[in-house]
Amino acid sequence: MTTRPLLFDSPFLLGFDQTRALIDRAAKAAAESYPPYNVEQIGEGSVRISLAVAGFSPDDLAITLEGRQLTIAGKRDGGSPDQAFLHRGIAARGFVRSFVLADGLDVEGARLEHGLLHVDLTRPVEAKAVRRIPINLD
C-alpha cells in the first residue's frame, strides 16, 4: 500500500478541507475514461465540454449542477432482446462523468449534435470596481 502525502495537512493551512475534497473529486473524475471527452477554449472566458455519446438520445442523458460539481449521466437500455449482434463494438453501457467547476464559471447551455454532447460554460466578465478609501484624521 502506498501512502500519498496529504497536501493540506500542515498546521499552517487550517480550513482547507473543502479544497482537499475538491482535489480528490477531480482526481477521481480524471481516472474515468468513458465516454471520451474534449475540453476546449471558445473565445474569451468561454469553455466547451464535448462528450462522445453516440447512440444516446436527449431522453437518455441528464445534466445536473450541484454546487460547483457538473455531472453528466447517460442511461440506455440494452436494446431489444431479439437483437443478435455478430459484433458489438459500440458501447451501450451507462455512464456518469463529473467535472468540478471553478468559482464564477456558469453553465450556459447544452446541445446534442452528430453524437456529441456539447456543454457550454462561460465566465462573465466582471466590471472592475475602484473603491476610494477615506483617510481619517486622529
C-alpha atoms as a PDB file:
ATOM      1  CA  MET A   1       0.000   0.000   0.000  1.00  0.00           C
ATOM      2  CA  THR A   2       1.428   3.370  -0.973  1.00  0.00           C
ATOM      3  CA  THR A   3       0.842   6.366   1.202  1.00  0.00           C
ATOM      4  CA  ARG A   4       0.093   9.581  -0.568  1.00  0.00           C
ATOM      5  CA  PRO A   5       1.281  12.767   1.136  1.00  0.00           C
ATOM      6  CA  LEU A   6      -1.633  14.909   2.243  1.00  0.00           C
ATOM      7  CA  LEU A   7      -1.167  18.316   0.699  1.00  0.00           C
ATOM      8  CA  PHE A   8      -3.273  20.337   3.122  1.00  0.00           C
ATOM      9  CA  ASP A   9      -2.396  18.669   6.452  1.00  0.00           C
ATOM     10  CA  SER A  10       0.045  21.344   7.534  1.00  0.00           C
ATOM     11  CA  PRO A  11      -0.905  23.134  10.777  1.00  0.00           C
ATOM     12  CA  PHE A  12      -0.408  26.399   8.855  1.00  0.00           C
ATOM     13  CA  LEU A  13      -3.149  25.546   6.335  1.00  0.00           C
ATOM     14  CA  LEU A  14      -6.262  25.476   8.502  1.00  0.00           C
ATOM     15  CA  GLY A  15      -9.706  25.335   6.917  1.00  0.00           C
ATOM     16  CA  PHE A  16      -8.633  23.858   3.576  1.00  0.00           C
ATOM     17  CA  ASP A  17     -10.668  20.644   3.978  1.00  0.00           C
ATOM     18  CA  GLN A  18     -13.044  21.681   1.180  1.00  0.00           C
ATOM     19  CA  THR A  19     -10.109  22.338  -1.165  1.00  0.00           C
ATOM     20  CA  ARG A  20      -8.708  18.880  -0.417  1.00  0.00           C
ATOM     21  CA  ALA A  21     -12.125  17.330  -1.123  1.00  0.00           C
ATOM     22  CA  LEU A  22     -12.294  19.186  -4.473  1.00  0.00           C
ATOM     23  CA  ILE A  23      -8.842  17.905  -5.446  1.00  0.00           C
ATOM     24  CA  ASP A  24      -9.807  14.336  -4.506  1.00  0.00           C
ATOM     25  CA  ARG A  25     -13.022  14.568  -6.559  1.00  0.00           C
ATOM     26  CA  ALA A  26     -11.141  15.990  -9.547  1.00  0.00           C
ATOM     27  CA  ALA A  27      -8.538  13.197  -9.356  1.00  0.00           C
ATOM     28  CA  LYS A  28     -11.274  10.551  -9.224  1.00  0.00           C
ATOM     29  CA  ALA A  29     -13.097  12.112 -12.191  1.00  0.00           C
ATOM     30  CA  ALA A  30      -9.859  12.231 -14.213  1.00  0.00           C
ATOM     31  CA  ALA A  31      -9.374   8.478 -13.708  1.00  0.00           C
ATOM     32  CA  GLU A  32     -12.650   7.691 -15.529  1.00  0.00           C
ATOM     33  CA  SER A  33     -12.270   7.012 -19.252  1.00  0.00           C
ATOM     34  CA  TYR A  34     -15.811   6.543 -20.635  1.00  0.00           C
ATOM     35  CA  PRO A  35     -17.151   8.341 -22.506  1.00  0.00           C
ATOM     36  CA  PRO A  36     -14.228  10.178 -24.111  1.00  0.00           C
ATOM     37  CA  TYR A  37     -14.426  13.955 -23.952  1.00  0.00           C
ATOM     38  CA  ASN A  38     -12.740  17.200 -25.014  1.00  0.00           C
ATOM     39  CA  VAL A  39     -12.470  20.487 -23.146  1.00  0.00           C
ATOM     40  CA  GLU A  40     -11.811  23.452 -25.412  1.00  0.00           C
ATOM     41  CA  GLN A  41     -11.434  27.199 -25.021  1.00  0.00           C
ATOM     42  CA  ILE A  42     -14.101  29.027 -27.046  1.00  0.00           C
ATOM     43  CA  GLY A  43     -13.255  32.714 -27.146  1.00  0.00           C
ATOM     44  CA  GLU A  44     -12.534  34.891 -24.149  1.00  0.00           C
ATOM     45  CA  GLY A  45     -13.999  33.462 -20.940  1.00  0.00           C
ATOM     46  CA  SER A  46     -15.885  30.548 -22.562  1.00  0.00           C
ATOM     47  CA  VAL A  47     -15.222  26.822 -22.358  1.00  0.00           C
ATOM     48  CA  ARG A  48     -16.933  23.887 -24.089  1.00  0.00           C
ATOM     49  CA  ILE A  49     -17.019  20.315 -22.828  1.00  0.00           C
ATOM     50  CA  SER A  50     -17.815  17.829 -25.618  1.00  0.00           C
ATOM     51  CA  LEU A  51     -18.614  14.189 -24.826  1.00  0.00           C
ATOM     52  CA  ALA A  52     -18.848  11.384 -27.390  1.00  0.00           C
ATOM     53  CA  VAL A  53     -22.308   9.950 -26.701  1.00  0.00           C
ATOM     54  CA  ALA A  54     -23.174   8.189 -29.970  1.00  0.00           C
ATOM     55  CA  GLY A  55     -26.416   6.256 -29.679  1.00  0.00           C
ATOM     56  CA  PHE A  56     -27.743   8.258 -26.720  1.00  0.00           C
ATOM     57  CA  SER A  57     -30.867  10.382 -27.209  1.00  0.00           C
ATOM     58  CA  PRO A  58     -31.598  13.552 -25.216  1.00  0.00           C
ATOM     59  CA  ASP A  59     -34.007  11.474 -23.083  1.00  0.00           C
ATOM     60  CA  ASP A  60     -31.125   9.121 -22.183  1.00  0.00           C
ATOM     61  CA  LEU A  61     -28.946  11.984 -20.878  1.00  0.00           C
ATOM     62  CA  ALA A  62     -29.129  14.098 -17.713  1.00  0.00           C
ATOM     63  CA  ILE A  63     -27.004  17.128 -16.847  1.00  0.00           C
ATOM     64  CA  THR A  64     -27.039  18.427 -13.265  1.00  0.00           C
ATOM     65  CA  LEU A  65     -25.128  21.094 -11.387  1.00  0.00           C
ATOM     66  CA  GLU A  66     -24.811  20.700  -7.619  1.00  0.00           C
ATOM     67  CA  GLY A  67     -22.678  23.355  -6.007  1.00  0.00           C
ATOM     68  CA  ARG A  68     -19.600  23.511  -8.244  1.00  0.00           C
ATOM     69  CA  GLN A  69     -19.872  19.905  -9.490  1.00  0.00           C
ATOM     70  CA  LEU A  70     -21.240  19.394 -13.002  1.00  0.00           C
ATOM     71  CA  THR A  71     -22.469  15.825 -13.542  1.00  0.00           C
ATOM     72  CA  ILE A  72     -23.406  14.345 -16.902  1.00  0.00           C
ATOM     73  CA  ALA A  73     -25.082  10.938 -16.814  1.00  0.00           C
ATOM     74  CA  GLY A  74     -26.248   8.649 -19.593  1.00  0.00           C
ATOM     75  CA  LYS A  75     -28.501   5.624 -19.246  1.00  0.00           C
ATOM     76  CA  ARG A  76     -29.535   3.381 -22.140  1.00  0.00           C
ATOM     77  CA  ASP A  77     -31.433   0.180 -22.292  1.00  0.00           C
ATOM     78  CA  GLY A  78     -29.549  -2.713 -23.810  1.00  0.00           C
ATOM     79  CA  GLY A  79     -31.783  -2.817 -26.882  1.00  0.00           C
ATOM     80  CA  SER A  80     -34.485  -5.302 -27.652  1.00  0.00           C
ATOM     81  CA  PRO A  81     -33.878  -8.900 -26.547  1.00  0.00           C
ATOM     82  CA  ASP A  82     -34.433 -10.210 -30.086  1.00  0.00           C
ATOM     83  CA  GLN A  83     -31.326  -8.380 -31.423  1.00  0.00           C
ATOM     84  CA  ALA A  84     -28.473 -10.713 -32.313  1.00  0.00           C
ATOM     85  CA  PHE A  85     -25.108  -8.992 -32.704  1.00  0.00           C
ATOM     86  CA  LEU A  86     -22.351 -10.595 -34.761  1.00  0.00           C
ATOM     87  CA  HIS A  87     -20.002  -7.910 -33.418  1.00  0.00           C
ATOM     88  CA  ARG A  88     -20.785  -5.330 -30.757  1.00  0.00           C
ATOM     89  CA  GLY A  89     -18.222  -2.526 -30.739  1.00  0.00           C
ATOM     90  CA  ILE A  90     -20.473   0.408 -29.871  1.00  0.00           C
ATOM     91  CA  ALA A  91     -20.735   0.767 -26.121  1.00  0.00           C
ATOM     92  CA  ALA A  92     -24.262   0.587 -24.749  1.00  0.00           C
ATOM     93  CA  ARG A  93     -23.417   0.963 -21.087  1.00  0.00           C
ATOM     94  CA  GLY A  94     -24.451   3.882 -18.958  1.00  0.00           C
ATOM     95  CA  PHE A  95     -22.013   6.405 -17.561  1.00  0.00           C
ATOM     96  CA  VAL A  96     -21.570   9.191 -15.046  1.00  0.00           C
ATOM     97  CA  ARG A  97     -18.941  11.849 -15.785  1.00  0.00           C
ATOM     98  CA  SER A  98     -18.257  14.660 -13.287  1.00  0.00           C
ATOM     99  CA  PHE A  99     -16.388  17.948 -13.609  1.00  0.00           C
ATOM    100  CA  VAL A 100     -15.506  20.349 -10.788  1.00  0.00           C
ATOM    101  CA  LEU A 101     -16.073  23.910 -11.986  1.00  0.00           C
ATOM    102  CA  ALA A 102     -14.111  26.942 -10.841  1.00  0.00           C
ATOM    103  CA  ASP A 103     -15.927  29.695  -8.977  1.00  0.00           C
ATOM    104  CA  GLY A 104     -17.648  32.097 -11.347  1.00  0.00           C
ATOM    105  CA  LEU A 105     -17.986  29.554 -14.174  1.00  0.00           C
ATOM    106  CA  ASP A 106     -21.649  29.212 -15.237  1.00  0.00           C
ATOM    107  CA  VAL A 107     -23.357  26.616 -17.429  1.00  0.00           C
ATOM    108  CA  GLU A 108     -24.747  28.470 -20.441  1.00  0.00           C
ATOM    109  CA  GLY A 109     -26.477  25.524 -22.128  1.00  0.00           C
ATOM    110  CA  ALA A 110     -26.133  22.110 -23.751  1.00  0.00           C
ATOM    111  CA  ARG A 111     -26.886  20.639 -27.151  1.00  0.00           C
ATOM    112  CA  LEU A 112     -26.633  17.232 -28.785  1.00  0.00           C
ATOM    113  CA  GLU A 113     -25.435  17.058 -32.399  1.00  0.00           C
ATOM    114  CA  HIS A 114     -23.903  14.295 -34.502  1.00  0.00           C
ATOM    115  CA  GLY A 115     -23.315  12.035 -31.480  1.00  0.00           C
ATOM    116  CA  LEU A 116     -21.546  14.755 -29.466  1.00  0.00           C
ATOM    117  CA  LEU A 117     -22.994  16.393 -26.376  1.00  0.00           C
ATOM    118  CA  HIS A 118     -21.695  19.964 -26.061  1.00  0.00           C
ATOM    119  CA  VAL A 119     -21.959  21.745 -22.703  1.00  0.00           C
ATOM    120  CA  ASP A 120     -21.023  25.427 -22.909  1.00  0.00           C
ATOM    121  CA  LEU A 121     -19.634  27.239 -19.881  1.00  0.00           C
ATOM    122  CA  THR A 122     -18.973  30.954 -19.510  1.00  0.00           C
ATOM    123  CA  ARG A 123     -17.244  33.176 -17.019  1.00  0.00           C
ATOM    124  CA  PRO A 124     -18.970  36.563 -17.051  1.00  0.00           C
ATOM    125  CA  VAL A 125     -16.513  39.435 -17.248  1.00  0.00           C
ATOM    126  CA  GLU A 126     -16.783  41.455 -14.070  1.00  0.00           C
ATOM    127  CA  ALA A 127     -16.539  45.204 -14.217  1.00  0.00           C
ATOM    128  CA  LYS A 128     -13.509  46.354 -12.287  1.00  0.00           C
ATOM    129  CA  ALA A 129     -14.646  48.447  -9.362  1.00  0.00           C
ATOM    130  CA  VAL A 130     -12.431  51.102  -7.882  1.00  0.00           C
ATOM    131  CA  ARG A 131     -13.233  51.914  -4.304  1.00  0.00           C
ATOM    132  CA  ARG A 132     -11.982  55.094  -2.671  1.00  0.00           C
ATOM    133  CA  ILE A 133     -10.818  54.630   0.901  1.00  0.00           C
ATOM    134  CA  PRO A 134     -11.338  57.656   3.156  1.00  0.00           C
ATOM    135  CA  ILE A 135      -8.423  58.830   5.294  1.00  0.00           C
ATOM    136  CA  ASN A 136      -9.384  59.588   8.865  1.00  0.00           C
ATOM    137  CA  LEU A 137      -7.693  62.218  10.989  1.00  0.00           C
ATOM    138  CA  ASP A 138      -6.967  61.339  14.592  1.00  0.00           C
END
